[in-house]
Amino acid sequence: MAAQKALSLNIQDVQTLLSAYMPMLERGGIFVPTRERYELGQEVYLLLTLPGENDRVPVTGQVVWISPEGVSGRRIPGIGIQFGPADQAVRDRIENLLAGHLDKGALTYTI
């Protein structure tokens, strides 16, 4: 298993957050655009800035989705990170920001 890596993601608006959020995961998750190589199951440390906020929220999770370089369709290269058990507050903040949008079938960076 590869060593833990650190990433930073600044999400500027609710539409981008909606495309990046992964509500289908048990604890929620987020898609992070990157061209770096990761392995499924790899632990990742993420500093996440949500729309309308200045503070970076620390998240520790695991890679559960990989969109490799050259992926087709709307997808861009990157990884999906499932939030860790201690990140429930982050999931709650995201879902509050996305209230009323999650059930509308919006296009995502993953599925």
N, C-alpha and C. Protein backbone atom coordinates (compact mmCIF):
# COMPACT_ATOMS: atom_id res chain seq x y z
N MET A 1 0.86 -1.18 0.00
CA MET A 1 0.00 0.00 0.00
C MET A 1 0.90 1.24 0.00
N ALA A 2 0.57 2.22 -0.80
CA ALA A 2 1.35 3.45 -0.90
C ALA A 2 1.17 4.31 0.35
N ALA A 3 2.13 5.18 0.59
CA ALA A 3 2.09 6.06 1.75
C ALA A 3 0.98 7.10 1.62
N GLN A 4 0.58 7.66 2.76
CA GLN A 4 -0.44 8.70 2.76
C GLN A 4 0.08 9.94 2.03
N LYS A 5 -0.80 10.57 1.26
CA LYS A 5 -0.45 11.79 0.54
C LYS A 5 -1.36 12.91 1.00
N ALA A 6 -0.88 14.15 0.86
CA ALA A 6 -1.66 15.32 1.23
C ALA A 6 -2.09 16.07 -0.03
N LEU A 7 -3.34 16.52 -0.03
CA LEU A 7 -3.91 17.27 -1.13
C LEU A 7 -4.64 18.48 -0.59
N SER A 8 -4.90 19.44 -1.46
CA SER A 8 -5.70 20.61 -1.12
C SER A 8 -6.73 20.81 -2.22
N LEU A 9 -7.97 21.13 -1.82
CA LEU A 9 -9.04 21.35 -2.78
C LEU A 9 -9.86 22.55 -2.33
N ASN A 10 -9.97 23.54 -3.22
CA ASN A 10 -10.76 24.73 -2.96
C ASN A 10 -11.95 24.73 -3.91
N ILE A 11 -13.14 24.52 -3.37
CA ILE A 11 -14.36 24.49 -4.18
C ILE A 11 -15.02 25.86 -4.13
N GLN A 12 -15.13 26.50 -5.28
CA GLN A 12 -15.57 27.89 -5.35
C GLN A 12 -17.08 28.09 -5.26
N ASP A 13 -17.87 27.11 -5.78
CA ASP A 13 -19.31 27.33 -5.84
C ASP A 13 -20.08 26.04 -5.58
N VAL A 14 -21.37 26.18 -5.34
CA VAL A 14 -22.23 25.05 -5.00
C VAL A 14 -22.34 24.08 -6.17
N GLN A 15 -22.38 24.56 -7.40
CA GLN A 15 -22.49 23.67 -8.56
C GLN A 15 -21.27 22.75 -8.66
N THR A 16 -20.09 23.28 -8.43
CA THR A 16 -18.88 22.46 -8.45
C THR A 16 -18.90 21.46 -7.31
N LEU A 17 -19.34 21.90 -6.13
CA LEU A 17 -19.45 20.99 -4.99
C LEU A 17 -20.43 19.86 -5.31
N LEU A 18 -21.54 20.18 -5.93
CA LEU A 18 -22.53 19.18 -6.31
C LEU A 18 -21.92 18.15 -7.25
N SER A 19 -21.10 18.59 -8.20
CA SER A 19 -20.45 17.67 -9.14
C SER A 19 -19.38 16.82 -8.47
N ALA A 20 -18.75 17.35 -7.44
CA ALA A 20 -17.64 16.64 -6.78
C ALA A 20 -18.08 15.76 -5.62
N TYR A 21 -19.21 16.07 -4.99
CA TYR A 21 -19.64 15.32 -3.81
C TYR A 21 -20.09 13.91 -4.21
N MET A 22 -19.80 12.95 -3.36
CA MET A 22 -20.14 11.54 -3.62
C MET A 22 -21.07 11.02 -2.52
N PRO A 23 -22.37 11.35 -2.58
CA PRO A 23 -23.29 10.97 -1.52
C PRO A 23 -23.59 9.47 -1.47
N MET A 24 -23.25 8.75 -2.54
CA MET A 24 -23.55 7.32 -2.59
C MET A 24 -22.63 6.50 -1.68
N LEU A 25 -21.57 7.11 -1.19
CA LEU A 25 -20.66 6.43 -0.28
C LEU A 25 -21.22 6.47 1.14
N GLU A 26 -20.96 5.42 1.89
CA GLU A 26 -21.52 5.28 3.24
C GLU A 26 -21.29 6.52 4.10
N ARG A 27 -20.09 7.05 4.10
CA ARG A 27 -19.78 8.24 4.91
C ARG A 27 -19.66 9.50 4.06
N GLY A 28 -20.03 9.39 2.79
CA GLY A 28 -19.86 10.51 1.88
C GLY A 28 -18.43 10.57 1.39
N GLY A 29 -18.21 11.40 0.39
CA GLY A 29 -16.87 11.54 -0.15
C GLY A 29 -16.82 12.69 -1.13
N ILE A 30 -15.64 12.92 -1.67
CA ILE A 30 -15.43 14.05 -2.56
C ILE A 30 -14.46 13.65 -3.67
N PHE A 31 -14.72 14.15 -4.86
CA PHE A 31 -13.83 13.93 -6.00
C PHE A 31 -12.80 15.05 -6.02
N VAL A 32 -11.54 14.67 -6.17
CA VAL A 32 -10.44 15.63 -6.21
C VAL A 32 -9.73 15.50 -7.56
N PRO A 33 -9.79 16.54 -8.40
CA PRO A 33 -9.05 16.48 -9.66
C PRO A 33 -7.55 16.42 -9.40
N THR A 34 -6.89 15.48 -10.03
CA THR A 34 -5.44 15.36 -9.90
C THR A 34 -4.91 14.48 -11.01
N ARG A 35 -3.69 14.72 -11.40
CA ARG A 35 -3.05 13.87 -12.40
C ARG A 35 -2.05 12.93 -11.73
N GLU A 36 -1.88 13.06 -10.43
CA GLU A 36 -0.98 12.16 -9.69
C GLU A 36 -1.58 10.77 -9.61
N ARG A 37 -0.71 9.78 -9.48
CA ARG A 37 -1.16 8.39 -9.41
C ARG A 37 -1.50 8.02 -7.96
N TYR A 38 -2.61 7.36 -7.79
CA TYR A 38 -3.06 6.86 -6.49
C TYR A 38 -3.52 5.42 -6.66
N GLU A 39 -3.62 4.72 -5.55
CA GLU A 39 -4.10 3.35 -5.55
C GLU A 39 -5.41 3.28 -4.78
N LEU A 40 -6.30 2.38 -5.19
CA LEU A 40 -7.52 2.17 -4.42
C LEU A 40 -7.13 1.75 -3.00
N GLY A 41 -7.81 2.32 -2.02
CA GLY A 41 -7.52 2.02 -0.62
C GLY A 41 -6.45 2.89 0.00
N GLN A 42 -5.75 3.66 -0.81
CA GLN A 42 -4.69 4.52 -0.29
C GLN A 42 -5.27 5.60 0.62
N GLU A 43 -4.62 5.85 1.74
CA GLU A 43 -5.07 6.89 2.65
C GLU A 43 -4.59 8.26 2.15
N VAL A 44 -5.50 9.24 2.24
CA VAL A 44 -5.21 10.59 1.74
C VAL A 44 -5.62 11.60 2.81
N TYR A 45 -4.80 12.62 2.97
CA TYR A 45 -5.11 13.74 3.85
C TYR A 45 -5.46 14.91 2.94
N LEU A 46 -6.65 15.49 3.15
CA LEU A 46 -7.15 16.56 2.28
C LEU A 46 -7.48 17.79 3.10
N LEU A 47 -7.04 18.94 2.62
CA LEU A 47 -7.48 20.22 3.17
C LEU A 47 -8.52 20.77 2.21
N LEU A 48 -9.77 20.82 2.66
CA LEU A 48 -10.91 21.14 1.82
C LEU A 48 -11.48 22.51 2.19
N THR A 49 -11.63 23.38 1.20
CA THR A 49 -12.29 24.67 1.39
C THR A 49 -13.62 24.63 0.67
N LEU A 50 -14.69 24.83 1.42
CA LEU A 50 -16.05 24.76 0.87
C LEU A 50 -16.50 26.14 0.37
N PRO A 51 -17.48 26.19 -0.52
CA PRO A 51 -17.97 27.47 -1.05
C PRO A 51 -18.42 28.42 0.06
N GLY A 52 -18.00 29.67 -0.05
CA GLY A 52 -18.39 30.69 0.91
C GLY A 52 -17.63 30.65 2.22
N GLU A 53 -16.63 29.78 2.33
CA GLU A 53 -15.85 29.65 3.56
C GLU A 53 -14.39 29.96 3.27
N ASN A 54 -13.69 30.43 4.28
CA ASN A 54 -12.26 30.71 4.15
C ASN A 54 -11.40 29.65 4.82
N ASP A 55 -11.98 28.96 5.80
CA ASP A 55 -11.22 27.96 6.55
C ASP A 55 -11.07 26.68 5.74
N ARG A 56 -9.89 26.09 5.84
CA ARG A 56 -9.65 24.78 5.22
C ARG A 56 -9.99 23.71 6.24
N VAL A 57 -10.83 22.77 5.83
CA VAL A 57 -11.29 21.70 6.71
C VAL A 57 -10.42 20.47 6.46
N PRO A 58 -9.78 19.92 7.51
CA PRO A 58 -8.97 18.72 7.30
C PRO A 58 -9.85 17.48 7.21
N VAL A 59 -9.56 16.64 6.23
CA VAL A 59 -10.28 15.39 6.01
C VAL A 59 -9.25 14.29 5.80
N THR A 60 -9.47 13.16 6.44
CA THR A 60 -8.64 11.99 6.21
C THR A 60 -9.53 10.89 5.66
N GLY A 61 -9.20 10.38 4.50
CA GLY A 61 -10.04 9.36 3.89
C GLY A 61 -9.25 8.40 3.05
N GLN A 62 -9.99 7.55 2.32
CA GLN A 62 -9.37 6.56 1.46
C GLN A 62 -9.82 6.74 0.03
N VAL A 63 -8.91 6.44 -0.89
CA VAL A 63 -9.23 6.49 -2.31
C VAL A 63 -10.17 5.32 -2.64
N VAL A 64 -11.35 5.65 -3.17
CA VAL A 64 -12.33 4.62 -3.55
C VAL A 64 -12.72 4.73 -5.03
N TRP A 65 -12.21 5.73 -5.72
CA TRP A 65 -12.55 5.94 -7.13
C TRP A 65 -11.33 6.52 -7.81
N ILE A 66 -11.02 6.03 -9.00
CA ILE A 66 -9.91 6.58 -9.78
C ILE A 66 -10.40 6.83 -11.20
N SER A 67 -10.25 8.07 -11.66
CA SER A 67 -10.47 8.41 -13.06
C SER A 67 -9.09 8.73 -13.63
N PRO A 68 -8.50 7.78 -14.36
CA PRO A 68 -7.12 7.95 -14.83
C PRO A 68 -7.01 8.97 -15.96
N GLU A 69 -5.80 9.38 -16.21
CA GLU A 69 -5.49 10.25 -17.35
C GLU A 69 -6.06 9.63 -18.62
N GLY A 70 -6.71 10.43 -19.46
CA GLY A 70 -7.27 9.94 -20.71
C GLY A 70 -8.68 9.38 -20.58
N VAL A 71 -9.29 9.53 -19.42
CA VAL A 71 -10.65 9.03 -19.22
C VAL A 71 -11.60 9.75 -20.18
N SER A 72 -12.63 9.05 -20.65
CA SER A 72 -13.52 9.64 -21.66
C SER A 72 -14.74 10.29 -21.02
N GLY A 73 -15.50 10.98 -21.84
CA GLY A 73 -16.73 11.61 -21.37
C GLY A 73 -16.46 12.88 -20.58
N ARG A 74 -17.37 13.21 -19.70
CA ARG A 74 -17.27 14.42 -18.90
C ARG A 74 -16.23 14.29 -17.79
N ARG A 75 -15.84 13.07 -17.50
CA ARG A 75 -14.92 12.85 -16.39
C ARG A 75 -13.55 13.45 -16.64
N ILE A 76 -12.97 13.94 -15.59
CA ILE A 76 -11.62 14.48 -15.64
C ILE A 76 -10.74 13.61 -14.76
N PRO A 77 -9.44 13.62 -14.99
CA PRO A 77 -8.55 12.81 -14.15
C PRO A 77 -8.65 13.22 -12.69
N GLY A 78 -8.70 12.23 -11.81
CA GLY A 78 -8.75 12.52 -10.38
C GLY A 78 -9.12 11.30 -9.58
N ILE A 79 -9.36 11.54 -8.28
CA ILE A 79 -9.69 10.45 -7.36
C ILE A 79 -10.90 10.81 -6.53
N GLY A 80 -11.64 9.79 -6.14
CA GLY A 80 -12.74 9.94 -5.21
C GLY A 80 -12.26 9.48 -3.84
N ILE A 81 -12.46 10.33 -2.85
CA ILE A 81 -12.02 10.04 -1.49
C ILE A 81 -13.23 9.83 -0.60
N GLN A 82 -13.32 8.65 0.02
CA GLN A 82 -14.37 8.42 1.00
C GLN A 82 -13.94 9.02 2.32
N PHE A 83 -14.84 9.82 2.93
CA PHE A 83 -14.53 10.44 4.21
C PHE A 83 -14.33 9.38 5.28
N GLY A 84 -13.44 9.67 6.22
CA GLY A 84 -13.20 8.77 7.34
C GLY A 84 -14.30 8.91 8.39
N PRO A 85 -14.33 8.00 9.36
CA PRO A 85 -15.35 8.01 10.41
C PRO A 85 -15.40 9.32 11.21
N ALA A 86 -14.28 10.00 11.33
CA ALA A 86 -14.23 11.24 12.12
C ALA A 86 -14.69 12.47 11.33
N ASP A 87 -15.08 12.28 10.07
CA ASP A 87 -15.41 13.42 9.21
C ASP A 87 -16.91 13.64 9.02
N GLN A 88 -17.73 13.16 9.94
CA GLN A 88 -19.17 13.33 9.84
C GLN A 88 -19.56 14.80 9.78
N ALA A 89 -18.87 15.66 10.51
CA ALA A 89 -19.19 17.09 10.51
C ALA A 89 -18.97 17.70 9.13
N VAL A 90 -17.95 17.24 8.41
CA VAL A 90 -17.70 17.74 7.05
C VAL A 90 -18.84 17.32 6.13
N ARG A 91 -19.23 16.05 6.23
CA ARG A 91 -20.35 15.57 5.41
C ARG A 91 -21.61 16.38 5.70
N ASP A 92 -21.88 16.64 6.98
CA ASP A 92 -23.06 17.43 7.34
C ASP A 92 -23.01 18.84 6.75
N ARG A 93 -21.83 19.48 6.79
CA ARG A 93 -21.69 20.82 6.22
C ARG A 93 -21.94 20.82 4.71
N ILE A 94 -21.39 19.81 4.04
CA ILE A 94 -21.59 19.70 2.58
C ILE A 94 -23.06 19.48 2.27
N GLU A 95 -23.69 18.57 2.97
CA GLU A 95 -25.09 18.27 2.68
C GLU A 95 -26.01 19.45 3.01
N ASN A 96 -25.64 20.26 3.99
CA ASN A 96 -26.40 21.49 4.25
C ASN A 96 -26.24 22.47 3.08
N LEU A 97 -25.04 22.60 2.56
CA LEU A 97 -24.81 23.48 1.41
C LEU A 97 -25.56 22.99 0.17
N LEU A 98 -25.73 21.68 0.06
CA LEU A 98 -26.36 21.09 -1.13
C LEU A 98 -27.85 20.77 -0.92
N ALA A 99 -28.42 21.21 0.19
CA ALA A 99 -29.82 20.93 0.49
C ALA A 99 -30.70 21.32 -0.70
N GLY A 100 -31.55 20.39 -1.13
CA GLY A 100 -32.44 20.64 -2.25
C GLY A 100 -31.84 20.35 -3.62
N HIS A 101 -30.55 20.05 -3.68
CA HIS A 101 -29.88 19.79 -4.95
C HIS A 101 -29.54 18.31 -5.16
N LEU A 102 -29.37 17.56 -4.07
CA LEU A 102 -28.87 16.19 -4.17
C LEU A 102 -29.80 15.24 -4.90
N ASP A 103 -31.09 15.48 -4.87
CA ASP A 103 -32.05 14.55 -5.47
C ASP A 103 -32.44 14.93 -6.89
N LYS A 104 -31.73 15.84 -7.51
CA LYS A 104 -32.10 16.32 -8.84
C LYS A 104 -31.35 15.62 -9.98
N GLY A 105 -30.52 14.63 -9.66
CA GLY A 105 -29.84 13.88 -10.73
C GLY A 105 -28.81 14.69 -11.49
N ALA A 106 -28.09 15.57 -10.83
CA ALA A 106 -27.08 16.41 -11.48
C ALA A 106 -25.91 15.55 -11.99
N LEU A 107 -25.25 16.02 -13.03
CA LEU A 107 -24.06 15.34 -13.54
C LEU A 107 -22.94 15.45 -12.53
N THR A 108 -22.15 14.38 -12.42
CA THR A 108 -21.05 14.38 -11.47
C THR A 108 -19.75 14.07 -12.19
N TYR A 109 -18.66 14.22 -11.47
CA TYR A 109 -17.35 13.90 -12.02
C TYR A 109 -17.08 12.40 -11.99
N THR A 110 -17.94 11.63 -11.33
CA THR A 110 -17.69 10.20 -11.18
C THR A 110 -18.69 9.36 -11.95
N ILE A 111 -19.92 9.30 -11.50
CA ILE A 111 -20.91 8.41 -12.11
C ILE A 111 -21.89 9.19 -12.95
